[in-house]
Protein backbone atom coordinates (compact mmCIF):
# COMPACT_ATOMS: atom_id res chain seq x y z
CA MET A 1 33.84 5.40 3.87
CA PRO A 2 35.44 8.82 3.16
CA LEU A 3 36.84 9.37 -0.32
CA PRO A 4 40.61 9.77 -0.60
CA SER A 5 41.87 13.31 -1.01
CA ILE A 6 41.91 14.50 -4.59
CA ARG A 7 45.20 15.73 -5.97
CA GLU A 8 43.71 18.15 -8.46
CA ASN A 9 45.33 18.19 -11.85
CA LYS A 10 42.99 20.19 -14.05
CA GLN A 11 43.83 20.26 -17.70
CA GLN A 12 42.20 20.38 -21.10
CA VAL A 13 41.96 16.86 -22.49
CA PRO A 14 40.83 15.76 -25.96
CA LEU A 15 37.41 14.14 -26.11
CA SER A 16 38.85 11.42 -28.34
CA TRP A 17 41.09 10.30 -25.44
CA LEU A 18 38.20 9.72 -23.05
CA LYS A 19 36.63 6.32 -22.38
CA ARG A 20 33.24 5.53 -20.89
CA HIS A 21 33.37 3.75 -17.56
CA PRO A 22 32.38 0.08 -18.05
CA ASN A 23 29.80 0.36 -15.25
CA GLN A 24 28.08 3.44 -16.68
CA ASP A 25 25.99 1.57 -19.23
CA ALA A 26 25.71 -1.52 -17.04
CA ILE A 27 24.11 0.47 -14.21
CA PHE A 28 22.39 3.45 -15.78
CA SER A 29 19.86 3.87 -18.56
CA GLU A 30 20.66 6.02 -21.56
CA THR A 31 19.97 9.70 -20.99
CA PRO A 32 17.01 10.91 -23.08
CA LYS A 33 17.98 13.13 -26.00
CA SER A 34 15.77 15.95 -24.70
CA GLU A 35 17.77 16.08 -21.44
CA LEU A 36 21.09 16.11 -23.29
CA ASP A 37 19.82 18.90 -25.52
CA GLU A 38 18.89 20.96 -22.45
CA LEU A 39 22.29 20.34 -20.86
CA ALA A 40 24.08 21.25 -24.09
CA GLU A 41 22.07 24.47 -24.33
CA ASP A 42 22.95 25.36 -20.72
CA ILE A 43 26.67 24.70 -21.32
CA SER A 44 26.65 26.76 -24.52
CA GLN A 45 25.20 29.73 -22.61
CA ARG A 46 27.01 29.48 -19.27
CA GLY A 47 30.03 27.35 -20.10
CA LEU A 48 31.14 24.20 -18.31
CA GLN A 49 30.49 24.89 -14.62
CA GLU A 50 32.39 21.90 -13.26
CA ALA A 51 35.27 19.87 -14.66
CA ILE A 52 34.79 16.19 -15.30
CA HIS A 53 36.86 13.60 -13.37
CA VAL A 54 38.87 10.92 -15.14
CA CYS A 55 41.34 8.18 -14.28
CA PRO A 56 44.91 8.52 -15.60
CA ASP A 57 43.97 6.20 -18.49
CA GLY A 58 41.14 8.48 -19.61
CA THR A 59 38.24 6.48 -18.13
CA ILE A 60 35.47 8.85 -17.08
CA ILE A 61 34.44 8.70 -13.44
CA ARG A 62 32.31 11.84 -13.26
CA GLY A 63 30.80 13.60 -16.24
CA HIS A 64 29.44 11.15 -18.82
CA ARG A 65 26.46 13.39 -19.56
CA ARG A 66 28.63 16.52 -19.78
CA VAL A 67 30.94 14.79 -22.25
CA ALA A 68 27.96 13.72 -24.39
CA ALA A 69 26.58 17.28 -24.30
CA VAL A 70 29.82 19.00 -25.36
CA LYS A 71 30.30 16.45 -28.16
CA HIS A 72 26.88 17.57 -29.36
CA LEU A 73 28.19 21.14 -29.31
CA GLY A 74 31.18 20.14 -31.43
CA TRP A 75 33.86 20.65 -28.78
CA GLU A 76 37.15 18.84 -29.21
CA LYS A 77 38.47 19.29 -25.66
CA ILE A 78 37.03 19.52 -22.16
CA GLU A 79 38.41 20.52 -18.77
CA ALA A 80 39.12 17.47 -16.62
CA VAL A 81 40.50 16.61 -13.21
CA VAL A 82 42.87 13.68 -13.66
CA ARG A 83 42.45 11.52 -10.57
CA HIS A 84 45.93 10.19 -9.84
CA ASP A 85 44.55 8.82 -6.56
CA ILE A 86 42.44 6.30 -8.51
CA ASP A 87 44.52 4.07 -10.78
CA ASP A 88 41.91 1.33 -11.20
CA PRO A 89 38.59 2.46 -12.76
CA CYS A 90 36.90 -0.62 -11.24
CA SER A 91 38.09 0.05 -7.68
CA SER A 92 35.53 0.66 -4.96
CA ALA A 93 36.54 4.36 -4.79
CA ALA A 94 36.01 4.81 -8.55
CA ILE A 95 32.66 3.03 -8.54
CA GLU A 96 31.44 5.02 -5.56
CA ASP A 97 32.46 8.27 -7.28
CA LEU A 98 30.71 7.18 -10.47
CA ILE A 99 27.52 6.36 -8.56
CA ASN A 100 27.61 9.53 -6.45
CA ASP A 101 27.92 11.66 -9.58
CA ASN A 102 24.88 10.04 -11.19
CA VAL A 103 22.83 10.10 -7.98
CA MET A 104 23.55 13.80 -7.55
CA ARG A 105 22.82 14.84 -11.15
CA ARG A 106 20.05 12.50 -12.27
CA GLN A 107 16.62 11.31 -11.19
CA LEU A 108 17.24 7.58 -10.99
CA ASP A 109 14.49 4.99 -11.35
CA ASP A 110 14.17 2.06 -8.95
CA LEU A 111 16.16 -0.39 -11.05
CA GLU A 112 19.02 2.07 -11.56
CA LEU A 113 19.10 2.49 -7.78
CA ALA A 114 19.13 -1.30 -7.42
CA ARG A 115 22.09 -1.58 -9.81
CA CYS A 116 23.93 1.12 -7.85
CA TYR A 117 23.22 -0.76 -4.63
CA GLN A 118 24.40 -4.04 -6.17
CA ALA A 119 27.62 -2.49 -7.49
CA MET A 120 28.40 -0.80 -4.17
CA LYS A 121 27.73 -4.03 -2.28
CA ALA A 122 29.99 -6.00 -4.62
CA ALA A 123 32.77 -3.40 -4.24
CA SER A 124 32.49 -3.18 -0.45
CA SER A 125 35.56 -4.42 1.37
CA PRO A 126 35.59 -6.33 3.58
CA ARG A 127 32.37 -7.92 2.41
CA VAL A 128 30.46 -8.25 5.64
CA ILE A 129 26.75 -8.22 6.46
CA SER A 130 27.08 -5.96 9.49
CA ASP A 131 29.62 -4.26 11.67
CA ARG A 132 29.73 -1.84 14.59
CA TYR A 133 28.31 0.90 12.35
CA GLY A 134 25.17 -1.14 11.65
CA ASP A 135 23.71 -3.21 8.84
CA LEU A 136 25.78 -2.82 5.69
CA ARG A 137 22.76 -2.91 3.38
CA ASP A 138 21.09 -0.03 5.26
CA ARG A 139 24.29 2.03 5.11
CA LEU A 140 24.61 1.40 1.38
CA ALA A 141 20.95 2.34 0.85
CA ALA A 142 21.50 5.54 2.87
CA ARG A 143 24.39 6.53 0.56
CA LEU A 144 21.96 6.49 -2.35
CA ASN A 145 19.83 9.09 -0.54
CA CYS A 146 16.67 7.55 -2.01
CA GLY A 147 14.62 7.11 1.17
CA LYS A 148 14.63 3.31 0.86
CA SER A 149 15.78 0.80 3.46
CA GLY A 150 18.31 -1.93 2.85
CA ARG A 151 15.49 -4.49 2.86
CA SER A 152 13.65 -2.55 0.14
CA MET A 153 16.82 -2.38 -1.91
CA ASP A 154 17.30 -6.14 -1.50
CA ARG A 155 13.82 -6.68 -2.95
CA LEU A 156 14.59 -4.41 -5.90
CA GLU A 157 17.95 -6.11 -6.42
CA ARG A 158 16.18 -9.45 -6.95
CA LEU A 159 14.53 -8.00 -10.07
CA LEU A 160 18.01 -7.63 -11.58
CA GLN A 161 17.93 -11.40 -12.08
CA LEU A 162 15.65 -10.70 -15.06
CA PRO A 163 17.28 -10.01 -18.46
CA ARG A 164 18.16 -6.36 -19.07
CA ASP A 165 15.61 -5.92 -21.89
CA ILE A 166 12.87 -7.15 -19.55
CA GLN A 167 14.15 -4.76 -16.86
CA ASP A 168 13.85 -1.97 -19.43
CA LEU A 169 10.13 -2.75 -19.76
CA ILE A 170 9.83 -1.87 -16.06
CA THR A 171 11.78 1.35 -16.59
CA ARG A 172 9.44 2.29 -19.48
CA ASN A 173 6.38 1.47 -17.32
CA LYS A 174 5.33 -1.36 -19.64
CA LEU A 175 5.66 -3.83 -16.78
CA ASN A 176 5.25 -3.10 -13.08
CA LYS A 177 7.47 -4.43 -10.30
CA HIS A 178 4.75 -6.70 -8.88
CA GLN A 179 4.30 -8.38 -12.27
CA ALA A 180 8.07 -8.67 -12.71
CA GLU A 181 8.36 -10.36 -9.30
CA LYS A 182 5.73 -12.90 -10.33
CA ILE A 183 7.71 -13.64 -13.50
CA ARG A 184 10.91 -14.02 -11.45
CA ARG A 185 9.28 -16.73 -9.35
CA LEU A 186 8.32 -18.87 -12.35
CA SER A 187 10.31 -21.95 -13.34
CA ARG A 188 13.29 -21.33 -15.62
CA LYS A 189 11.50 -22.86 -18.62
CA ARG A 190 8.33 -20.86 -18.01
CA GLN A 191 10.37 -17.67 -17.59
CA GLN A 192 11.98 -18.15 -21.00
CA GLU A 193 8.55 -18.58 -22.58
CA VAL A 194 7.36 -15.34 -20.96
CA PHE A 195 10.53 -13.46 -22.02
CA GLU A 196 10.18 -14.51 -25.66
CA ALA A 197 6.49 -13.58 -25.70
CA LEU A 198 7.17 -10.16 -24.14
CA ARG A 199 9.96 -9.39 -26.62
CA THR A 200 7.63 -9.78 -29.60
CA ALA A 201 4.41 -8.59 -27.97
CA GLU A 202 2.29 -5.81 -29.42
CA ASN A 203 0.03 -5.91 -26.37
CA ILE A 204 1.94 -6.72 -23.17
CA PRO A 205 -1.17 -7.03 -20.91
CA ASP A 206 -2.51 -9.76 -23.21
CA VAL A 207 0.75 -11.70 -22.82
CA LEU A 208 0.64 -11.30 -19.03
CA ARG A 209 -2.95 -12.56 -18.95
CA SER A 210 -2.14 -15.56 -21.13
CA PHE A 211 0.57 -16.63 -18.66
CA GLY A 212 -1.56 -15.89 -15.59
CA ILE A 213 0.66 -13.01 -14.45
CA ILE A 214 -2.37 -10.74 -14.28
CA LYS A 215 -5.98 -11.78 -13.97
CA SER A 216 -8.08 -12.11 -17.08
CA ASN A 217 -10.66 -9.36 -17.54
CA LYS A 218 -13.15 -12.00 -18.72
CA PRO A 219 -16.04 -12.25 -16.21
CA ARG A 220 -15.75 -15.31 -14.00
CA THR A 221 -18.54 -17.87 -14.05
CA PRO A 222 -20.60 -18.63 -10.91
CA THR A 223 -18.79 -21.98 -10.73
CA GLU A 224 -15.38 -20.24 -10.74
CA LEU A 225 -16.55 -17.78 -8.08
CA GLY A 226 -17.93 -20.62 -5.95
CA GLU A 227 -14.66 -22.56 -6.22
CA GLU A 228 -12.73 -19.44 -5.21
CA LEU A 229 -15.03 -18.86 -2.23
CA LEU A 230 -14.75 -22.45 -1.00
CA GLY A 231 -11.00 -22.40 -1.52
CA PHE A 232 -10.77 -19.23 0.56
CA PHE A 233 -12.71 -20.80 3.43
CA ASN A 234 -10.69 -24.00 3.21
CA ARG A 235 -7.40 -22.09 3.47
CA ASN A 236 -8.33 -19.47 6.04
CA LEU A 237 -11.18 -20.67 8.27
CA PRO A 238 -8.93 -22.51 10.79
CA ALA A 239 -6.80 -19.38 11.31
CA VAL A 240 -9.85 -17.12 11.61
CA ARG A 241 -11.43 -19.38 14.22
CA THR A 242 -8.39 -19.13 16.47
CA ASN A 243 -8.38 -15.31 16.42
CA ILE A 244 -11.92 -14.17 15.80
CA GLU A 245 -11.36 -10.94 17.77
CA SER A 246 -9.19 -9.62 14.94
CA LEU A 247 -12.29 -9.52 12.72
CA ASP A 248 -13.95 -6.97 15.00
CA ARG A 249 -11.84 -4.19 13.49
CA LEU A 250 -12.69 -5.02 9.87
CA GLN A 251 -14.24 -2.33 7.69
CA VAL A 252 -15.75 -2.46 4.22
CA ARG A 253 -15.73 0.47 1.82
CA GLY A 254 -19.17 1.78 0.91
CA ARG A 255 -21.18 -0.68 2.98
CA ASP A 256 -21.95 -1.51 6.59
CA VAL A 257 -20.03 -4.59 7.74
CA VAL A 258 -22.98 -6.04 9.70
CA GLU A 259 -25.37 -5.74 6.73
CA LEU A 260 -22.82 -7.30 4.39
CA LEU A 261 -22.16 -10.22 6.75
CA ASP A 262 -25.91 -10.71 7.30
CA ASP A 263 -26.42 -10.96 3.53
CA ALA A 264 -23.45 -13.31 3.23
CA THR A 265 -24.79 -15.46 6.09
CA LYS A 266 -28.25 -15.71 4.47
CA PHE A 267 -26.67 -16.70 1.16
CA MET A 268 -24.33 -19.25 2.70
CA THR A 269 -27.21 -20.73 4.79
CA ALA A 270 -29.37 -21.10 1.68
CA TRP A 271 -26.49 -22.55 -0.28
CA THR A 272 -25.64 -24.99 2.53
CA GLU A 273 -29.25 -26.16 2.70
CA ARG A 274 -29.31 -26.61 -1.06
CA LYS A 275 -26.07 -28.62 -0.96
CA ARG A 276 -27.50 -30.74 1.89
CA LYS A 277 -30.65 -31.53 -0.11
CA LEU A 278 -28.59 -32.40 -3.19
CA LYS A 279 -26.44 -34.67 -1.06
CA GLN A 280 -29.52 -36.38 0.41
CA LYS A 281 -30.91 -36.79 -3.10
CA ASP A 282 -27.66 -38.41 -4.22
CA ILE A 283 -27.75 -40.74 -1.21
CA LYS A 284 -31.35 -41.78 -1.98
CA GLU A 285 -30.47 -42.43 -5.61
CA ILE A 286 -27.53 -44.57 -4.55
CA GLN A 287 -29.71 -46.48 -2.08
CA SER A 288 -32.36 -47.00 -4.77
CA THR A 289 -29.72 -48.30 -7.19
CA VAL A 290 -28.40 -50.70 -4.54
CA LYS A 291 -31.91 -52.02 -3.87
CA ARG A 292 -32.58 -52.57 -7.58
CA ARG A 293 -29.32 -54.43 -7.99
CA SER A 294 -30.09 -56.52 -4.88
CA LYS A 295 -33.52 -57.51 -6.31
CA LEU A 296 -31.95 -58.43 -9.63
CA ASP A 297 -29.34 -60.55 -7.84
CA ASN A 298 -32.10 -62.33 -5.84
CA LEU A 299 -34.17 -63.02 -8.97
CA SER A 300 -31.07 -64.32 -10.74
CA GLY A 301 -30.32 -66.62 -7.81
CA ASN A 302 -33.88 -68.01 -7.67
CA ALA A 303 -33.84 -68.69 -11.40
CA ARG A 304 -30.81 -70.94 -10.94
């Protein structure tokens, strides 16, 4: 959707008159101080290279970082283009301008991209899934110029169901997206327990292990390994039997497939034989118990 033509009205406006766009903090993370310091240093040496854009009520559409940088420099005014073509700061045109400015000037993380995608989708009018130009979600993803498909953006958008402070753990690389997706799939009650534990955690991996989000690093016992192996066969053997040709292409890192399967076959044969003998032993013990009870019943009957 092309942006409406801009009726330029450049003027010096007081910084005290400006207002942050309500979606700026909702969508984007706070700019690190080091980046603002670099921007302020660049502006102090070269001046403001591009005017900010604001709505007629002073709401910033483009230039939040530039405003923060010149405040750091002690400026009282800044050059601005007053966008008389955008009366409503929450209109689709304003939101798209806000997002485009941030996409162009910042390296956005995955969740910031997801919030941009969500905001653009919510502001799209008419709200349709597809039209003659193709899938709406793919077109919105393409506007973000992030190399992700609409389907990928949909997956990222689902993580926005988590509370913002938990999302921030992903942004700070304290929690990865796979772990966050596992948390999202938990029951509401279990999620709340995980959230509270993460908020007070000194060691996040320990919390994730305690809730089963990541596997424990404690060595598994032979019994646990055996249960896992049997469970794997129980779940997958029927499917493997129906398409055994697909196994012909399997490869194993660092070891020949045939040798590995030979070893596995020998082990499974020995284990099967052992299980068969144990089963026969159990059957004999049961039969022996039945015979003893039968003799006792006969003796009891003769005594009467």
